[in-house]
Amino acid sequence: MLVTSANHLPRAMGFFAAAGLQPMPVPANQLAISSPLQPQEKILPSPLWLGHSERVWYETLGRVWQRLLAMTSRPAPAGNGSPVPASDNDVRK
């Protein structure tokens, strides 16, 4: 089981999947609104809502970074591992 904050869960599952694991996700600390918003709450900024948007940006940037790392850690293509084709003048022969 992977127990973590609900907003971290998608990124955490990505790390576990990259390691070849398939844990069961168990979200915790869910940030849900228990009552409808009043009209003034929809218009006026609130520290609570700013905190939510900070979490969204943090997780979005974390997932972008995770994808960039995944793209750069892919195995090299088959062959000699060099992006430049070997020539007759190659010293490594």
C-alpha atoms as a PDB file:
ATOM      1  CA  MET A   1       0.000   0.000   0.000  1.00  0.00           C
ATOM      2  CA  LEU A   2       1.156   3.516  -0.783  1.00  0.00           C
ATOM      3  CA  VAL A   3      -0.244   5.933   1.799  1.00  0.00           C
ATOM      4  CA  THR A   4       0.414   9.601   1.079  1.00  0.00           C
ATOM      5  CA  SER A   5      -1.369  12.908   0.767  1.00  0.00           C
ATOM      6  CA  ALA A   6      -4.038  12.767  -1.925  1.00  0.00           C
ATOM      7  CA  ASN A   7      -2.447  15.607  -3.870  1.00  0.00           C
ATOM      8  CA  HIS A   8       0.948  13.808  -3.912  1.00  0.00           C
ATOM      9  CA  LEU A   9      -0.496  10.441  -4.884  1.00  0.00           C
ATOM     10  CA  PRO A  10      -0.340  10.665  -8.716  1.00  0.00           C
ATOM     11  CA  ARG A  11       3.329  11.694  -8.643  1.00  0.00           C
ATOM     12  CA  ALA A  12       4.202   9.080  -6.000  1.00  0.00           C
ATOM     13  CA  MET A  13       2.486   6.360  -8.037  1.00  0.00           C
ATOM     14  CA  GLY A  14       4.591   7.429 -11.023  1.00  0.00           C
ATOM     15  CA  PHE A  15       7.804   6.868  -9.056  1.00  0.00           C
ATOM     16  CA  PHE A  16       6.655   3.442  -7.913  1.00  0.00           C
ATOM     17  CA  ALA A  17       5.534   2.469 -11.435  1.00  0.00           C
ATOM     18  CA  ALA A  18       8.932   3.547 -12.802  1.00  0.00           C
ATOM     19  CA  ALA A  19      10.530   1.167 -10.292  1.00  0.00           C
ATOM     20  CA  GLY A  20       8.340  -1.682 -11.564  1.00  0.00           C
ATOM     21  CA  LEU A  21       6.082  -1.755  -8.504  1.00  0.00           C
ATOM     22  CA  GLN A  22       2.289  -1.619  -8.389  1.00  0.00           C
ATOM     23  CA  PRO A  23       1.223  -0.495  -4.922  1.00  0.00           C
ATOM     24  CA  MET A  24      -2.397   0.000  -3.976  1.00  0.00           C
ATOM     25  CA  PRO A  25      -2.989   3.772  -3.637  1.00  0.00           C
ATOM     26  CA  VAL A  26      -4.393   4.913  -0.282  1.00  0.00           C
ATOM     27  CA  PRO A  27      -5.044   8.684  -0.302  1.00  0.00           C
ATOM     28  CA  ALA A  28      -4.868  10.594   2.960  1.00  0.00           C
ATOM     29  CA  ASN A  29      -5.315  14.241   3.949  1.00  0.00           C
ATOM     30  CA  GLN A  30      -7.876  14.989   1.265  1.00  0.00           C
ATOM     31  CA  LEU A  31      -8.683  18.663   0.919  1.00  0.00           C
ATOM     32  CA  ALA A  32     -12.390  18.662   0.179  1.00  0.00           C
ATOM     33  CA  ILE A  33     -14.941  21.432   0.625  1.00  0.00           C
ATOM     34  CA  SER A  34     -17.715  20.271   2.929  1.00  0.00           C
ATOM     35  CA  SER A  35     -20.187  23.077   2.191  1.00  0.00           C
ATOM     36  CA  PRO A  36     -21.132  25.162  -0.845  1.00  0.00           C
ATOM     37  CA  LEU A  37     -19.217  28.402  -1.343  1.00  0.00           C
ATOM     38  CA  GLN A  38     -20.918  31.694  -0.592  1.00  0.00           C
ATOM     39  CA  PRO A  39     -20.838  34.344  -3.385  1.00  0.00           C
ATOM     40  CA  GLN A  40     -18.229  36.472  -1.556  1.00  0.00           C
ATOM     41  CA  GLU A  41     -16.002  33.396  -1.133  1.00  0.00           C
ATOM     42  CA  LYS A  42     -15.941  32.967  -4.911  1.00  0.00           C
ATOM     43  CA  ILE A  43     -14.753  36.541  -5.482  1.00  0.00           C
ATOM     44  CA  LEU A  44     -12.439  37.479  -2.596  1.00  0.00           C
ATOM     45  CA  PRO A  45      -8.976  35.914  -2.307  1.00  0.00           C
ATOM     46  CA  SER A  46      -8.414  33.730   0.711  1.00  0.00           C
ATOM     47  CA  PRO A  47      -5.231  32.280   2.223  1.00  0.00           C
ATOM     48  CA  LEU A  48      -6.897  28.863   2.086  1.00  0.00           C
ATOM     49  CA  TRP A  49      -7.440  29.071  -1.689  1.00  0.00           C
ATOM     50  CA  LEU A  50      -3.939  30.462  -2.224  1.00  0.00           C
ATOM     51  CA  GLY A  51      -2.619  27.464  -0.322  1.00  0.00           C
ATOM     52  CA  HIS A  52      -4.565  25.153  -2.622  1.00  0.00           C
ATOM     53  CA  SER A  53      -3.175  26.855  -5.722  1.00  0.00           C
ATOM     54  CA  GLU A  54       0.359  26.566  -4.308  1.00  0.00           C
ATOM     55  CA  ARG A  55      -0.154  22.816  -3.933  1.00  0.00           C
ATOM     56  CA  VAL A  56      -1.387  22.575  -7.519  1.00  0.00           C
ATOM     57  CA  TRP A  57       1.693  24.403  -8.840  1.00  0.00           C
ATOM     58  CA  TYR A  58       4.024  22.326  -6.681  1.00  0.00           C
ATOM     59  CA  GLU A  59       2.576  19.036  -7.885  1.00  0.00           C
ATOM     60  CA  THR A  60       2.393  20.194 -11.515  1.00  0.00           C
ATOM     61  CA  LEU A  61       6.048  21.202 -11.500  1.00  0.00           C
ATOM     62  CA  GLY A  62       6.936  17.945  -9.752  1.00  0.00           C
ATOM     63  CA  ARG A  63       5.187  15.877 -12.427  1.00  0.00           C
ATOM     64  CA  VAL A  64       6.858  17.865 -15.225  1.00  0.00           C
ATOM     65  CA  TRP A  65      10.239  17.234 -13.577  1.00  0.00           C
ATOM     66  CA  GLN A  66       9.376  13.549 -13.180  1.00  0.00           C
ATOM     67  CA  ARG A  67       8.564  13.271 -16.903  1.00  0.00           C
ATOM     68  CA  LEU A  68      11.762  15.073 -17.870  1.00  0.00           C
ATOM     69  CA  LEU A  69      13.786  12.657 -15.746  1.00  0.00           C
ATOM     70  CA  ALA A  70      11.999   9.714 -17.343  1.00  0.00           C
ATOM     71  CA  MET A  71      12.780  11.025 -20.827  1.00  0.00           C
ATOM     72  CA  THR A  72      16.474  11.519 -20.063  1.00  0.00           C
ATOM     73  CA  SER A  73      16.959   8.140 -18.393  1.00  0.00           C
ATOM     74  CA  ARG A  74      15.766   6.010 -21.310  1.00  0.00           C
ATOM     75  CA  PRO A  75      18.208   3.344 -22.518  1.00  0.00           C
ATOM     76  CA  ALA A  76      20.572   4.176 -25.372  1.00  0.00           C
ATOM     77  CA  PRO A  77      19.720   2.834 -28.840  1.00  0.00           C
ATOM     78  CA  ALA A  78      21.207  -0.486 -29.921  1.00  0.00           C
ATOM     79  CA  GLY A  79      24.696  -0.369 -31.371  1.00  0.00           C
ATOM     80  CA  ASN A  80      27.857   1.131 -29.964  1.00  0.00           C
ATOM     81  CA  GLY A  81      25.964   3.561 -27.724  1.00  0.00           C
ATOM     82  CA  SER A  82      27.343   6.583 -29.537  1.00  0.00           C
ATOM     83  CA  PRO A  83      24.987   9.004 -31.289  1.00  0.00           C
ATOM     84  CA  VAL A  84      27.699   9.504 -33.956  1.00  0.00           C
ATOM     85  CA  PRO A  85      28.145   6.604 -36.388  1.00  0.00           C
ATOM     86  CA  ALA A  86      31.548   4.912 -36.193  1.00  0.00           C
ATOM     87  CA  SER A  87      33.867   5.757 -39.088  1.00  0.00           C
ATOM     88  CA  ASP A  88      36.958   4.072 -40.520  1.00  0.00           C
ATOM     89  CA  ASN A  89      39.114   6.634 -38.690  1.00  0.00           C
ATOM     90  CA  ASP A  90      37.619   5.785 -35.281  1.00  0.00           C
ATOM     91  CA  VAL A  91      40.408   5.368 -32.706  1.00  0.00           C
ATOM     92  CA  ARG A  92      38.331   2.996 -30.541  1.00  0.00           C
ATOM     93  CA  LYS A  93      38.587   0.109 -33.063  1.00  0.00           C
END
